[in-house]
Amino acid sequence: MLAIRILMGLEPKGEELTSAPVLPDSIASLSLRRVPGRWEPADVSAERPDARSRIDVIRDWLAEREGFRKAA
């Protein structure tokens, strides 16, 4: 839960929930629905249009893993 709060930049300010999302380049979008609190249940969404595709993320992960095997 803490990781999601950090990624979404969620902070309660009195009776309001504020959001200042900071998504890594491997996450294109993240949405939370009906976040409970002192405020009315809130929906929060974040998008990162310049995010890498899933294929690129997997390809990079596999390349790093192969490099690790060669080094061992």
N, C-alpha and C. Protein backbone atom coordinates (compact mmCIF):
# COMPACT_ATOMS: atom_id res chain seq x y z
N MET A 1 0.82 -1.19 0.00
CA MET A 1 0.00 0.00 0.00
C MET A 1 0.87 1.26 0.00
N LEU A 2 1.98 1.21 0.71
CA LEU A 2 2.86 2.38 0.75
C LEU A 2 3.43 2.68 -0.63
N ALA A 3 3.78 1.64 -1.37
CA ALA A 3 4.33 1.84 -2.72
C ALA A 3 3.31 2.53 -3.62
N ILE A 4 2.06 2.12 -3.55
CA ILE A 4 1.01 2.76 -4.37
C ILE A 4 0.81 4.20 -3.94
N ARG A 5 0.84 4.44 -2.65
CA ARG A 5 0.69 5.82 -2.16
C ARG A 5 1.82 6.70 -2.68
N ILE A 6 3.04 6.16 -2.70
CA ILE A 6 4.19 6.93 -3.19
C ILE A 6 4.08 7.15 -4.69
N LEU A 7 3.78 6.09 -5.46
CA LEU A 7 3.66 6.22 -6.92
C LEU A 7 2.59 7.23 -7.31
N MET A 8 1.48 7.23 -6.58
CA MET A 8 0.38 8.13 -6.91
C MET A 8 0.54 9.50 -6.23
N GLY A 9 1.49 9.63 -5.32
CA GLY A 9 1.70 10.90 -4.64
C GLY A 9 0.49 11.31 -3.81
N LEU A 10 -0.12 10.35 -3.16
CA LEU A 10 -1.34 10.62 -2.39
C LEU A 10 -1.02 11.25 -1.04
N GLU A 11 -1.69 12.35 -0.75
CA GLU A 11 -1.55 13.04 0.53
C GLU A 11 -2.90 13.59 0.95
N PRO A 12 -3.32 13.28 2.18
CA PRO A 12 -4.54 13.90 2.68
C PRO A 12 -4.26 15.34 3.12
N LYS A 13 -5.08 16.26 2.68
CA LYS A 13 -4.98 17.67 3.08
C LYS A 13 -6.35 18.06 3.64
N GLY A 14 -6.49 17.92 4.95
CA GLY A 14 -7.78 18.22 5.58
C GLY A 14 -8.84 17.25 5.09
N GLU A 15 -9.87 17.80 4.47
CA GLU A 15 -10.99 17.00 3.97
C GLU A 15 -10.81 16.62 2.50
N GLU A 16 -9.61 16.74 1.97
CA GLU A 16 -9.36 16.50 0.54
C GLU A 16 -8.18 15.54 0.36
N LEU A 17 -8.23 14.74 -0.70
CA LEU A 17 -7.12 13.87 -1.06
C LEU A 17 -6.43 14.48 -2.27
N THR A 18 -5.14 14.78 -2.15
CA THR A 18 -4.39 15.34 -3.28
C THR A 18 -3.52 14.24 -3.90
N SER A 19 -3.17 14.45 -5.17
CA SER A 19 -2.36 13.48 -5.89
C SER A 19 -1.34 14.19 -6.76
N ALA A 20 -0.09 13.75 -6.67
CA ALA A 20 1.00 14.25 -7.52
C ALA A 20 1.80 13.03 -7.96
N PRO A 21 1.27 12.29 -8.96
CA PRO A 21 1.86 11.00 -9.33
C PRO A 21 3.26 11.12 -9.93
N VAL A 22 4.08 10.09 -9.64
CA VAL A 22 5.41 9.96 -10.21
C VAL A 22 5.56 8.50 -10.63
N LEU A 23 5.15 8.21 -11.86
CA LEU A 23 5.21 6.84 -12.36
C LEU A 23 6.55 6.57 -13.01
N PRO A 24 7.14 5.39 -12.76
CA PRO A 24 8.38 5.04 -13.46
C PRO A 24 8.08 4.80 -14.94
N ASP A 25 9.12 4.79 -15.76
CA ASP A 25 8.89 4.66 -17.20
C ASP A 25 8.36 3.30 -17.62
N SER A 26 8.30 2.35 -16.71
CA SER A 26 7.76 1.03 -17.04
C SER A 26 6.27 0.89 -16.71
N ILE A 27 5.66 1.94 -16.16
CA ILE A 27 4.23 1.93 -15.85
C ILE A 27 3.56 3.04 -16.64
N ALA A 28 2.69 2.67 -17.58
CA ALA A 28 2.03 3.65 -18.44
C ALA A 28 0.84 4.32 -17.75
N SER A 29 0.11 3.57 -16.94
CA SER A 29 -1.04 4.16 -16.26
C SER A 29 -1.36 3.37 -14.99
N LEU A 30 -1.98 4.06 -14.06
CA LEU A 30 -2.38 3.45 -12.79
C LEU A 30 -3.62 4.18 -12.32
N SER A 31 -4.64 3.43 -11.92
CA SER A 31 -5.89 4.02 -11.45
C SER A 31 -6.34 3.34 -10.16
N LEU A 32 -6.85 4.15 -9.29
CA LEU A 32 -7.44 3.66 -8.03
C LEU A 32 -8.87 4.17 -7.98
N ARG A 33 -9.77 3.30 -7.56
CA ARG A 33 -11.17 3.70 -7.46
C ARG A 33 -11.65 3.65 -6.03
N ARG A 34 -12.44 4.62 -5.68
CA ARG A 34 -13.11 4.69 -4.38
C ARG A 34 -12.12 4.60 -3.21
N VAL A 35 -11.12 5.45 -3.22
CA VAL A 35 -10.15 5.51 -2.13
C VAL A 35 -10.86 6.10 -0.92
N PRO A 36 -10.96 5.34 0.19
CA PRO A 36 -11.69 5.84 1.36
C PRO A 36 -10.83 6.79 2.21
N GLY A 37 -11.52 7.62 2.96
CA GLY A 37 -10.83 8.53 3.88
C GLY A 37 -11.81 9.54 4.44
N ARG A 38 -11.26 10.64 4.98
CA ARG A 38 -12.12 11.72 5.52
C ARG A 38 -12.91 12.39 4.41
N TRP A 39 -12.41 12.29 3.20
CA TRP A 39 -13.07 12.82 2.01
C TRP A 39 -14.08 11.80 1.53
N GLU A 40 -14.93 12.19 0.61
CA GLU A 40 -15.82 11.20 -0.02
C GLU A 40 -14.96 10.24 -0.82
N PRO A 41 -15.38 8.99 -1.01
CA PRO A 41 -14.55 8.06 -1.78
C PRO A 41 -14.09 8.70 -3.09
N ALA A 42 -12.77 8.67 -3.33
CA ALA A 42 -12.18 9.38 -4.46
C ALA A 42 -11.60 8.41 -5.48
N ASP A 43 -11.70 8.77 -6.75
CA ASP A 43 -11.04 8.05 -7.84
C ASP A 43 -9.80 8.84 -8.22
N VAL A 44 -8.67 8.13 -8.38
CA VAL A 44 -7.40 8.78 -8.72
C VAL A 44 -6.79 8.03 -9.90
N SER A 45 -6.33 8.78 -10.91
CA SER A 45 -5.70 8.17 -12.09
C SER A 45 -4.43 8.92 -12.44
N ALA A 46 -3.48 8.19 -13.01
CA ALA A 46 -2.24 8.79 -13.49
C ALA A 46 -1.84 8.12 -14.78
N GLU A 47 -1.30 8.90 -15.71
CA GLU A 47 -0.83 8.35 -16.97
C GLU A 47 0.56 8.90 -17.27
N ARG A 48 1.36 8.07 -17.91
CA ARG A 48 2.67 8.49 -18.38
C ARG A 48 2.75 8.14 -19.87
N PRO A 49 2.49 9.12 -20.74
CA PRO A 49 2.45 8.85 -22.18
C PRO A 49 3.77 8.38 -22.77
N ASP A 50 4.89 8.74 -22.13
CA ASP A 50 6.20 8.35 -22.67
C ASP A 50 6.71 7.04 -22.07
N ALA A 51 5.83 6.26 -21.44
CA ALA A 51 6.24 4.99 -20.82
C ALA A 51 6.70 4.00 -21.89
N ARG A 52 7.63 3.15 -21.49
CA ARG A 52 8.10 2.09 -22.39
C ARG A 52 7.02 1.03 -22.54
N SER A 53 7.01 0.35 -23.68
CA SER A 53 6.03 -0.71 -23.90
C SER A 53 6.40 -1.93 -23.05
N ARG A 54 5.44 -2.78 -22.81
CA ARG A 54 5.70 -4.00 -22.03
C ARG A 54 6.74 -4.87 -22.71
N ILE A 55 6.69 -4.91 -24.03
CA ILE A 55 7.67 -5.71 -24.78
C ILE A 55 9.09 -5.19 -24.52
N ASP A 56 9.27 -3.87 -24.54
CA ASP A 56 10.60 -3.30 -24.27
C ASP A 56 11.06 -3.59 -22.85
N VAL A 57 10.15 -3.50 -21.89
CA VAL A 57 10.49 -3.79 -20.49
C VAL A 57 10.94 -5.24 -20.36
N ILE A 58 10.20 -6.16 -20.95
CA ILE A 58 10.55 -7.59 -20.87
C ILE A 58 11.86 -7.86 -21.60
N ARG A 59 12.02 -7.27 -22.78
CA ARG A 59 13.24 -7.46 -23.56
C ARG A 59 14.47 -6.97 -22.76
N ASP A 60 14.36 -5.81 -22.12
CA ASP A 60 15.46 -5.29 -21.31
C ASP A 60 15.75 -6.19 -20.11
N TRP A 61 14.69 -6.68 -19.47
CA TRP A 61 14.86 -7.56 -18.32
C TRP A 61 15.57 -8.84 -18.72
N LEU A 62 15.15 -9.40 -19.86
CA LEU A 62 15.80 -10.63 -20.33
C LEU A 62 17.26 -10.39 -20.70
N ALA A 63 17.55 -9.25 -21.31
CA ALA A 63 18.93 -8.92 -21.68
C ALA A 63 19.80 -8.78 -20.43
N GLU A 64 19.27 -8.13 -19.39
CA GLU A 64 20.02 -7.98 -18.14
C GLU A 64 20.25 -9.35 -17.50
N ARG A 65 19.26 -10.18 -17.55
CA ARG A 65 19.36 -11.51 -16.96
C ARG A 65 20.39 -12.35 -17.70
N GLU A 66 20.42 -12.26 -19.01
CA GLU A 66 21.40 -13.01 -19.82
C GLU A 66 22.81 -12.50 -19.51
N GLY A 67 22.96 -11.19 -19.36
CA GLY A 67 24.26 -10.62 -19.00
C GLY A 67 24.71 -11.11 -17.63
N PHE A 68 23.78 -11.27 -16.71
CA PHE A 68 24.10 -11.76 -15.37
C PHE A 68 24.61 -13.20 -15.44
N ARG A 69 23.96 -14.01 -16.28
CA ARG A 69 24.37 -15.42 -16.43
C ARG A 69 25.78 -15.52 -17.01
N LYS A 70 26.10 -14.67 -17.98
CA LYS A 70 27.43 -14.71 -18.59
C LYS A 70 28.51 -14.29 -17.60
N ALA A 71 28.18 -13.35 -16.71
CA ALA A 71 29.15 -12.86 -15.74
C ALA A 71 29.42 -13.89 -14.64
N ALA A 72 28.47 -14.75 -14.37
CA ALA A 72 28.61 -15.72 -13.27
C ALA A 72 29.46 -16.90 -13.62
